[in-house]
Protein backbone atom coordinates (compact mmCIF):
# COMPACT_ATOMS: atom_id res chain seq x y z
CA MET A 1 0.00 0.00 0.00
CA LEU A 2 2.70 2.45 0.98
CA ASN A 3 4.71 1.45 -2.07
CA MET A 4 1.86 2.38 -4.35
CA PHE A 5 1.53 5.75 -2.68
CA ILE A 6 5.25 6.47 -3.03
CA LEU A 7 5.15 5.43 -6.66
CA PHE A 8 2.15 7.66 -7.28
CA VAL A 9 3.80 10.66 -5.63
CA SER A 10 7.01 10.19 -7.58
CA LYS A 11 5.05 9.96 -10.84
CA LEU A 12 3.16 13.11 -9.93
CA LEU A 13 6.41 14.92 -9.18
CA GLN A 14 7.93 13.79 -12.46
CA TRP A 15 4.86 14.99 -14.31
CA LYS A 16 4.98 18.37 -12.57
CA CYS A 17 8.67 18.68 -13.36
CA HIS A 18 7.92 17.96 -17.00
CA LEU A 19 5.20 20.59 -17.04
CA ILE A 20 7.63 23.15 -15.65
CA LEU A 21 10.81 22.10 -17.41
CA ASP A 22 9.55 21.31 -20.89
CA PRO A 23 8.60 24.90 -21.79
CA ILE A 24 11.96 26.08 -20.46
CA ARG A 25 13.79 23.48 -22.50
CA ASN A 26 11.75 24.35 -25.59
CA ASN A 27 12.54 28.00 -25.07
CA LEU A 28 16.25 27.23 -24.83
CA GLU A 29 16.10 25.09 -27.96
CA ARG A 30 14.34 27.88 -29.83
CA LYS A 31 16.99 30.37 -28.75
CA LYS A 32 19.70 27.99 -29.92
CA THR A 33 18.07 27.52 -33.30
CA LEU A 34 17.58 31.26 -33.62
CA LYS A 35 21.26 31.80 -32.91
CA SER A 36 22.30 29.19 -35.44
CA LEU A 37 19.88 30.71 -37.97
CA LYS A 38 21.42 34.12 -37.43
CA ILE A 39 24.85 32.62 -37.90
CA THR A 40 23.82 31.01 -41.18
CA LEU A 41 22.14 34.22 -42.33
CA VAL A 42 25.15 36.39 -41.60
């Protein structure tokens, strides 16, 4: 019973982390691609 609860909480935390971190990561990726695009344009 306790194991299931711990598992559930860890999954929930992972999910929350994804919700928070994914947009940040996407933003960083976009900035990187923008930089590389600028480099190719120049």
